[in-house]
Amino acid sequence: MYYFVDHKKKKIHQRQFAGDRCGFVETPVEKREFTDRVDYIEQLEEEDSYEFCPYCQTAQTISS
């Protein structure tokens, strides 16, 4: 599984489900990171107070 880390908002996104509702659009590119390292994600969560994004745990649907 690949993760998308928003260092500005301290949010961890599941890359395959990340979308507009996640709110990372205003995060500068230099504050974004992609990784597949679970140990790194766990470290961010436990030691640096990063949280998993509630919006990208499953596929997002598009409303019309």
C-alpha atoms as a PDB file:
ATOM      1  CA  MET A   1       0.000   0.000   0.000  1.00  0.00           C
ATOM      2  CA  TYR A   2       1.285   3.429  -0.831  1.00  0.00           C
ATOM      3  CA  TYR A   3       0.823   6.437   1.380  1.00  0.00           C
ATOM      4  CA  PHE A   4       0.665  10.125   0.612  1.00  0.00           C
ATOM      5  CA  VAL A   5       1.866  12.244   3.533  1.00  0.00           C
ATOM      6  CA  ASP A   6       0.740  15.841   3.942  1.00  0.00           C
ATOM      7  CA  HIS A   7       3.394  17.370   6.196  1.00  0.00           C
ATOM      8  CA  LYS A   8       1.604  20.723   6.383  1.00  0.00           C
ATOM      9  CA  LYS A   9      -1.551  19.264   7.956  1.00  0.00           C
ATOM     10  CA  LYS A  10       0.077  16.170   9.485  1.00  0.00           C
ATOM     11  CA  LYS A  11      -2.269  13.832   7.631  1.00  0.00           C
ATOM     12  CA  ILE A  12      -1.559  10.404   6.194  1.00  0.00           C
ATOM     13  CA  HIS A  13      -3.582   9.519   3.116  1.00  0.00           C
ATOM     14  CA  GLN A  14      -4.037   6.248   1.320  1.00  0.00           C
ATOM     15  CA  ARG A  15      -2.757   7.216  -2.088  1.00  0.00           C
ATOM     16  CA  GLN A  16      -5.223   5.156  -4.092  1.00  0.00           C
ATOM     17  CA  PHE A  17      -8.233   6.779  -2.404  1.00  0.00           C
ATOM     18  CA  ALA A  18      -6.981  10.347  -1.831  1.00  0.00           C
ATOM     19  CA  GLY A  19      -9.255  12.936  -3.396  1.00  0.00           C
ATOM     20  CA  ASP A  20     -10.734  16.408  -3.152  1.00  0.00           C
ATOM     21  CA  ARG A  21     -12.449  15.786   0.200  1.00  0.00           C
ATOM     22  CA  CYS A  22      -9.058  15.146   1.825  1.00  0.00           C
ATOM     23  CA  GLY A  23      -8.190  18.858   1.654  1.00  0.00           C
ATOM     24  CA  PHE A  24      -4.557  18.619   0.588  1.00  0.00           C
ATOM     25  CA  VAL A  25      -4.979  20.859  -2.479  1.00  0.00           C
ATOM     26  CA  GLU A  26      -3.610  23.916  -0.674  1.00  0.00           C
ATOM     27  CA  THR A  27      -0.559  22.028   0.636  1.00  0.00           C
ATOM     28  CA  PRO A  28       2.606  23.075  -1.252  1.00  0.00           C
ATOM     29  CA  VAL A  29       4.305  20.347  -3.284  1.00  0.00           C
ATOM     30  CA  GLU A  30       7.430  20.532  -1.117  1.00  0.00           C
ATOM     31  CA  LYS A  31       5.289  19.562   1.904  1.00  0.00           C
ATOM     32  CA  ARG A  32       3.965  16.392   0.189  1.00  0.00           C
ATOM     33  CA  GLU A  33       5.611  12.989   0.253  1.00  0.00           C
ATOM     34  CA  PHE A  34       4.832   9.534  -1.139  1.00  0.00           C
ATOM     35  CA  THR A  35       6.055   6.395   0.628  1.00  0.00           C
ATOM     36  CA  ASP A  36       5.337   2.696   0.977  1.00  0.00           C
ATOM     37  CA  ARG A  37       7.296   2.313   4.242  1.00  0.00           C
ATOM     38  CA  VAL A  38       4.899   1.174   6.962  1.00  0.00           C
ATOM     39  CA  ASP A  39       7.513   1.672   9.687  1.00  0.00           C
ATOM     40  CA  TYR A  40       7.904   5.327   8.665  1.00  0.00           C
ATOM     41  CA  ILE A  41       4.125   5.843   8.688  1.00  0.00           C
ATOM     42  CA  GLU A  42       3.890   4.279  12.149  1.00  0.00           C
ATOM     43  CA  GLN A  43       6.673   6.570  13.371  1.00  0.00           C
ATOM     44  CA  LEU A  44       4.877   9.651  12.054  1.00  0.00           C
ATOM     45  CA  GLU A  45       1.674   8.541  13.738  1.00  0.00           C
ATOM     46  CA  GLU A  46       3.176   7.580  17.095  1.00  0.00           C
ATOM     47  CA  GLU A  47       5.988  10.098  17.540  1.00  0.00           C
ATOM     48  CA  ASP A  48       4.909  13.122  15.507  1.00  0.00           C
ATOM     49  CA  SER A  49       1.115  13.101  16.045  1.00  0.00           C
ATOM     50  CA  TYR A  50       0.202  12.523  12.392  1.00  0.00           C
ATOM     51  CA  GLU A  51      -3.317  11.223  11.794  1.00  0.00           C
ATOM     52  CA  PHE A  52      -4.874   9.098   9.100  1.00  0.00           C
ATOM     53  CA  CYS A  53      -7.245  11.054   6.881  1.00  0.00           C
ATOM     54  CA  PRO A  54     -10.843   9.945   7.528  1.00  0.00           C
ATOM     55  CA  TYR A  55     -11.857  10.640   3.911  1.00  0.00           C
ATOM     56  CA  CYS A  56      -9.522   8.332   2.012  1.00  0.00           C
ATOM     57  CA  GLN A  57      -9.932   5.061   3.861  1.00  0.00           C
ATOM     58  CA  THR A  58     -12.290   3.923   1.090  1.00  0.00           C
ATOM     59  CA  ALA A  59     -13.033   5.035  -2.464  1.00  0.00           C
ATOM     60  CA  GLN A  60     -14.725   8.422  -2.762  1.00  0.00           C
ATOM     61  CA  THR A  61     -17.791   8.842  -4.889  1.00  0.00           C
ATOM     62  CA  ILE A  62     -18.469  11.841  -7.077  1.00  0.00           C
ATOM     63  CA  SER A  63     -21.668  13.727  -6.319  1.00  0.00           C
ATOM     64  CA  SER A  64     -23.548  15.462  -9.063  1.00  0.00           C
END
